[in-house]
Every structure is written in structure tokens, then in C-alpha cells.
Amino acid sequence: SLWRAAQVFRLASFGYALLASQLTSYTHYERQTLSWALYAGMAIWTGFAAVALSRNWLRRWQLVLCDQVIVIALMLAGRLVVDVQWYSGHQTLPTTLWVANAVVSMGLLRGQLAGVISGFVLAAISIAARGLPVSALWLDSTMPALVVVGLAIGAASTTAKRTFHELRRAERAAAAAIESGVEPAVVARALSGHQTSSAHRMDVRTRRDGVTVIDDSYNANPDSM
């Protein structure tokens, strides 16, 4: 699933943050011990989140919300580790790549709009944490990178959810038709030309509490409900 694939990226991005950022930058930090403690926390959250999100241990919206909070806390914690003058010219402590995990999770859970908003908010906090002016939000590469990630992952998630429910609906229709005596070849031809073009036909949406709502209210009226 997309959630499991996203956790592969989570683990890989932590490896990048550790090897390409922390190990090459910690000598510049004023509080090196604190930086390693923060990375230990990153490692714990990375492992827990990867397993919990891929196996759906807890409610995903809770995990995704925690993802946002932890990422923000780590970006701001960089100010405690190193001088703001040095920090302003480099990535935040957890790196932009690792921060993108929170955007990916939000995009998977809530779609394009939520993914874009998450990317924009985290980019703004990254700019603020590094002590950069507001104008840097449009000049720094962090904002477009995170926003594009949110948009792309959100779109992929929305499409995948819609496709999944369409396939389940097609399976039930095919099973009912075959059970009624329709030839499988006829069912296959009918399904191959199927299109959903009307509004409120199998419109799949996910609420904030993680509940999936399928809007199939086309042609409905108060008397029929």
C-alpha cells in the first residue's frame, strides 16, 4: 500500500539525515550532546511511526498529527543546538528530507489540499526557526519542495482511494451478474467500458477522524433517504 511505501521513504530519509547531515555538521554545534539526544528521539519516532503507520496500529490521524508536532519541535530545537547565524545558512536539524515525511503522511491521509497546507506550514516554520526573513519563504527551496510533495502524494492518495472503491464496487457487480447467469465474457466487456463521470457517484472522502465517507447520493432526494 501507499502507507507502507511511505515508511520505506521515512527510514531512508532518516539514514540520510544521520549520515549526510548530523555526522558532517555536529562539530559546528555548540551543544553536541543535545544534538545527539535529539537524533536519538528522531530514531525512536522514525522506527515507531514506520511500524505503526504501515500496520495501522493506532488511528492514523493521531499518528499524523504527532508527526507534524514532532517535526516542528525538532526544527525549533535546532536553535538550542547551534548559533542562529550558522543555522540560518543550513537546513534545519532534522533536514528537509526527513521533515517531508510529515507532509507525505498528511497528503496520504487527507489528500492534496491538506498535503499542500502541511508543506507550506512546515516550510514557514523552517524559515522562522532559521531566523530568515519572510521573503525567504519564496526564495528558499524548502517551500516549493514540501508543497510539491504534499500536492503529488495527496493526488496519488486520492486517486488510489477512488480506484480501490471502484474496484470493490466492480467486483460486487460482477459477482452478482455471474451469479444471475450472465456470461463472464459479457461482464468483462461491460466493466471494461465503465466510466464514472457524474458528481456524487462513488466520491470517496476521508474525515479528520479517519472515517472514510463514500458519497453515492446522485439522484437522491429527501423522500428517498
Protein backbone atom coordinates (compact mmCIF):
# COMPACT_ATOMS: atom_id res chain seq x y z
CA SER A 1 0.00 0.00 0.00
CA LEU A 2 0.99 3.65 -0.23
CA TRP A 3 1.35 3.82 3.55
CA ARG A 4 3.90 1.01 3.59
CA ALA A 5 5.83 2.51 0.70
CA ALA A 6 5.91 5.85 2.52
CA GLN A 7 7.56 4.23 5.52
CA VAL A 8 10.42 2.99 3.35
CA PHE A 9 11.00 6.64 2.47
CA ARG A 10 10.80 7.53 6.17
CA LEU A 11 13.54 5.09 7.09
CA ALA A 12 15.72 6.11 4.14
CA SER A 13 15.32 9.80 4.92
CA PHE A 14 16.45 9.23 8.49
CA GLY A 15 19.54 7.45 7.20
CA TYR A 16 20.28 10.46 5.01
CA ALA A 17 19.73 12.89 7.90
CA LEU A 18 22.07 10.92 10.13
CA LEU A 19 24.85 10.24 7.64
CA ALA A 20 24.75 13.28 5.39
CA SER A 21 23.78 15.92 7.93
CA GLN A 22 24.37 15.06 11.56
CA LEU A 23 27.70 13.28 11.14
CA THR A 24 29.07 16.06 8.94
CA SER A 25 27.67 19.01 10.88
CA TYR A 26 27.70 18.19 14.59
CA THR A 27 31.24 19.53 15.03
CA HIS A 28 29.82 23.00 14.33
CA TYR A 29 27.23 22.68 17.09
CA GLU A 30 27.63 24.38 20.43
CA ARG A 31 25.67 21.65 22.21
CA GLN A 32 26.73 18.44 20.53
CA THR A 33 25.35 16.16 23.23
CA LEU A 34 21.92 17.72 22.87
CA SER A 35 22.05 17.25 19.10
CA TRP A 36 22.71 13.53 19.55
CA ALA A 37 19.89 13.28 22.08
CA LEU A 38 17.53 14.89 19.57
CA TYR A 39 18.67 12.46 16.89
CA ALA A 40 18.05 9.58 19.28
CA GLY A 41 14.48 10.87 19.61
CA MET A 42 14.25 11.09 15.83
CA ALA A 43 15.39 7.49 15.54
CA ILE A 44 12.79 6.27 18.05
CA TRP A 45 9.95 8.17 16.37
CA THR A 46 11.08 7.10 12.90
CA GLY A 47 11.01 3.42 13.85
CA PHE A 48 7.75 3.61 15.78
CA ALA A 49 5.93 5.67 13.17
CA ALA A 50 7.13 3.43 10.34
CA VAL A 51 5.71 0.33 12.01
CA ALA A 52 2.56 1.94 13.40
CA LEU A 53 1.56 3.64 10.14
CA SER A 54 2.30 0.65 7.92
CA ARG A 55 0.41 -1.77 10.20
CA ASN A 56 -2.32 0.68 11.23
CA TRP A 57 -1.72 0.05 14.93
CA LEU A 58 -3.40 3.25 16.09
CA ARG A 59 -5.75 5.75 14.49
CA ARG A 60 -3.74 7.21 11.65
CA TRP A 61 -4.95 10.78 12.15
CA GLN A 62 -3.45 10.72 15.64
CA LEU A 63 -0.11 9.48 14.33
CA VAL A 64 -0.12 12.03 11.53
CA LEU A 65 -0.86 14.83 13.99
CA CYS A 66 2.01 13.65 16.20
CA ASP A 67 4.22 13.61 13.11
CA GLN A 68 3.52 17.30 12.49
CA VAL A 69 4.17 18.26 16.12
CA ILE A 70 7.41 16.28 16.42
CA VAL A 71 8.79 17.68 13.18
CA ILE A 72 8.02 21.24 14.27
CA ALA A 73 9.60 20.65 17.68
CA LEU A 74 12.80 19.28 16.13
CA MET A 75 13.11 22.17 13.69
CA LEU A 76 12.74 24.70 16.50
CA ALA A 77 15.08 22.70 18.77
CA GLY A 78 17.89 23.37 16.34
CA ARG A 79 18.09 26.89 17.81
CA LEU A 80 19.13 25.29 21.11
CA VAL A 81 21.93 23.33 19.47
CA VAL A 82 23.72 25.83 17.27
CA ASP A 83 24.12 29.56 16.81
CA VAL A 84 21.35 31.11 14.71
CA GLN A 85 23.90 32.66 12.36
CA TRP A 86 25.19 29.21 11.37
CA TYR A 87 21.69 27.71 11.41
CA SER A 88 20.35 30.36 9.01
CA GLY A 89 22.64 29.16 6.24
CA HIS A 90 21.86 25.45 6.55
CA GLN A 91 18.97 23.01 6.71
CA THR A 92 17.04 22.62 9.94
CA LEU A 93 18.37 19.99 12.34
CA PRO A 94 16.16 17.10 11.08
CA THR A 95 16.80 18.06 7.38
CA THR A 96 14.17 18.95 4.80
CA LEU A 97 14.06 15.37 3.52
CA TRP A 98 13.08 13.96 6.91
CA VAL A 99 10.61 16.80 7.50
CA ALA A 100 8.90 15.79 4.25
CA ASN A 101 7.65 12.63 5.98
CA ALA A 102 5.08 14.70 7.87
CA VAL A 103 3.88 16.21 4.60
CA VAL A 104 3.69 12.79 2.97
CA SER A 105 1.62 11.43 5.87
CA MET A 106 -0.80 14.36 5.74
CA GLY A 107 -1.17 14.04 1.97
CA LEU A 108 -1.88 10.31 2.26
CA LEU A 109 -4.44 10.85 4.99
CA ARG A 110 -6.32 13.90 3.74
CA GLY A 111 -5.45 14.49 0.09
CA GLN A 112 -3.92 17.30 -1.97
CA LEU A 113 -5.17 20.34 -0.07
CA ALA A 114 -4.09 19.06 3.33
CA GLY A 115 -0.74 17.99 1.90
CA VAL A 116 -0.12 21.42 0.40
CA ILE A 117 -1.13 23.19 3.62
CA SER A 118 1.14 20.95 5.68
CA GLY A 119 4.04 21.60 3.30
CA PHE A 120 3.50 25.36 3.41
CA VAL A 121 3.20 25.50 7.22
CA LEU A 122 6.29 23.38 7.81
CA ALA A 123 8.26 25.43 5.29
CA ALA A 124 7.22 28.63 7.08
CA ILE A 125 8.32 27.20 10.42
CA SER A 126 11.63 26.12 8.87
CA ILE A 127 12.22 29.70 7.72
CA ALA A 128 11.29 31.09 11.15
CA ALA A 129 13.44 28.55 13.01
CA ARG A 130 16.48 29.57 10.98
CA GLY A 131 15.85 33.25 11.64
CA LEU A 132 15.33 34.13 7.99
CA PRO A 133 13.07 36.96 6.76
CA VAL A 134 9.58 36.26 5.44
CA SER A 135 10.80 36.89 1.88
CA ALA A 136 12.94 33.76 2.18
CA LEU A 137 9.76 31.71 2.11
CA TRP A 138 9.53 32.40 -1.63
CA LEU A 139 13.27 32.32 -2.32
CA ASP A 140 14.31 29.30 -0.28
CA SER A 141 13.91 25.85 -1.89
CA THR A 142 12.21 24.38 1.20
CA MET A 143 8.74 25.76 0.47
CA PRO A 144 8.36 24.58 -3.15
CA ALA A 145 9.89 21.21 -2.31
CA LEU A 146 7.50 20.48 0.57
CA VAL A 147 4.43 21.91 -1.17
CA VAL A 148 5.06 19.85 -4.32
CA VAL A 149 5.49 16.72 -2.18
CA GLY A 150 2.16 17.39 -0.46
CA LEU A 151 0.40 18.01 -3.76
CA ALA A 152 1.81 14.94 -5.52
CA ILE A 153 1.30 12.50 -2.64
CA GLY A 154 -2.16 13.87 -1.90
CA ALA A 155 -3.20 13.42 -5.52
CA ALA A 156 -1.82 9.88 -5.60
CA SER A 157 -3.65 9.00 -2.39
CA THR A 158 -6.98 10.42 -3.59
CA THR A 159 -6.70 8.53 -6.86
CA ALA A 160 -5.74 5.30 -5.12
CA LYS A 161 -8.70 5.50 -2.71
CA ARG A 162 -11.14 6.21 -5.52
CA THR A 163 -9.72 3.38 -7.62
CA PHE A 164 -9.87 0.93 -4.71
CA HIS A 165 -13.55 1.63 -4.05
CA GLU A 166 -14.37 1.50 -7.75
CA LEU A 167 -12.71 -1.92 -7.99
CA ARG A 168 -14.60 -3.23 -4.97
CA ARG A 169 -17.85 -1.98 -6.49
CA ALA A 170 -16.98 -3.63 -9.80
CA GLU A 171 -16.19 -6.92 -8.04
CA ARG A 172 -19.59 -6.96 -6.35
CA ALA A 173 -21.38 -6.08 -9.59
CA ALA A 174 -19.50 -8.80 -11.49
CA ALA A 175 -20.21 -11.42 -8.83
CA ALA A 176 -23.93 -10.56 -8.82
CA ALA A 177 -24.12 -10.66 -12.62
CA ILE A 178 -22.35 -14.01 -12.91
CA GLU A 179 -24.49 -15.45 -10.12
CA SER A 180 -27.55 -14.36 -12.14
CA GLY A 181 -26.32 -16.30 -15.17
CA VAL A 182 -24.55 -13.63 -17.19
CA GLU A 183 -21.52 -14.93 -19.09
CA PRO A 184 -18.18 -13.81 -17.60
CA ALA A 185 -17.05 -12.51 -21.01
CA VAL A 186 -20.11 -10.26 -21.18
CA VAL A 187 -19.42 -8.96 -17.66
CA ALA A 188 -15.80 -8.28 -18.57
CA ARG A 189 -16.78 -6.29 -21.66
CA ALA A 190 -19.29 -4.23 -19.70
CA LEU A 191 -16.82 -3.41 -16.93
CA SER A 192 -14.05 -2.54 -19.37
CA GLY A 193 -16.14 0.32 -20.74
CA HIS A 194 -17.37 1.58 -17.38
CA GLN A 195 -16.82 5.27 -16.54
CA THR A 196 -17.83 7.35 -13.53
CA SER A 197 -18.49 10.82 -14.86
CA SER A 198 -21.32 12.12 -12.68
CA ALA A 199 -20.84 14.11 -9.49
CA HIS A 200 -21.73 12.33 -6.22
CA ARG A 201 -21.01 8.94 -7.76
CA MET A 202 -18.59 6.98 -5.55
CA ASP A 203 -16.94 10.19 -4.37
CA VAL A 204 -14.55 8.95 -1.67
CA ARG A 205 -13.60 11.33 1.13
CA THR A 206 -11.80 10.80 4.44
CA ARG A 207 -12.89 12.73 7.51
CA ARG A 208 -10.49 14.17 10.07
CA ASP A 209 -11.16 11.27 12.43
CA GLY A 210 -10.07 8.78 9.77
CA VAL A 211 -13.58 7.62 8.78
CA THR A 212 -13.97 7.09 5.03
CA VAL A 213 -17.21 8.50 3.56
CA ILE A 214 -18.41 7.33 0.16
CA ASP A 215 -20.77 9.88 -1.41
CA ASP A 216 -23.03 7.99 -3.82
CA SER A 217 -26.00 10.31 -3.40
CA TYR A 218 -26.50 11.11 -7.08
CA ASN A 219 -30.21 11.32 -7.95
CA ALA A 220 -31.17 11.17 -4.29
CA ASN A 221 -33.84 13.39 -2.72
CA PRO A 222 -35.11 13.90 0.85
CA ASP A 223 -38.04 11.50 0.31
CA SER A 224 -35.74 8.67 -0.76
CA MET A 225 -33.35 8.97 2.16
